[in-house]
């Protein structure tokens, strides 16, 4: 079964492509339209890979593994309230049981050891108590440490874990041709998602920065257009355009094209995914049209702001 991963560059309109695919009766939505943030969140799977395997150092590996376990367990809880999780307990059967099995599978060895950096990351009063206890031999307790498995073993275990999160719905729908997951990776390094999912295809969705800026103003509090343009240029410098073009499992789509030229874009998308283009979807592109050209509303952006974005981000403007 194909795993279709939708990645957006922040308020990029990626939900339109997700809605089209999940609205088909041959494509599964295993996580009930929830974005799988456990892959890309700051303490998630991909940051763990980068932290641990790019330059291995035991104390860092221990801390990264602790944070990964904490984040995966925290993701079980609801969105709101003091828990602030991703509500995956309600979306995935036996979620926490699967997390525990995964953590065990990527842990190679447990041991006790106090590293020099211990004093740097603890409150001063804990450092003082520890120092006094050691000075007078009052404590022989050393911190528990652990090391992860090799990168090859980690990738195999991660594939198995991510597959297990959707195995029940796959078993209940044997005739489905694929499943679609939103934000299970990074727009700026989509090839990493291909490493951790079975039979994966990645769709990268971009959007006109003028409309994108409006969403930023409303949802993130970024109200200075110069800051937005600076941020946009900086982050898009990491966009892997050449890699995307060479990889047959990565496709780029502009939100505006998918909505306004839906029939053509839909055909190309189905060809890329090797799925039947005649299967109907509940997605209605006309409902997404209102999200295009919002910047033209003078109550949202000034003429000066629009011109500044157009001048500075000319290559990204959608006509």
Foldseek 3Di string as FASTA:
>chain_A
DEEEEEAEDALQQSVLVVQQQCQFPQAPAQQVPFAPCQQPPCLHDVVLCCQDVVDHDFVSNQVSLVSSLVLQVLQCDDCDDPSNHRVSCVRFPPSNVLSVVLSVQFWDDKDFDDDPCNCVPDPVVVVVVVVVCVVVVVDPDGDMGTHTDDPVSNLVSLQVSVCNRRVVVCVVCVSRPYYYHYNNDHQLCCVVVVSRYPNYAYEYEGEAVLLSVLVCCVPPVPPDLVVVLVVVVVVCVSHPVVVQVPDLRYHYDYSVCCLPVVLVVLVVVCVSVVHDSPGGGPRDSVVVVVSPPPSVPCVRPPPVSVVVCCVSVVVRHDD
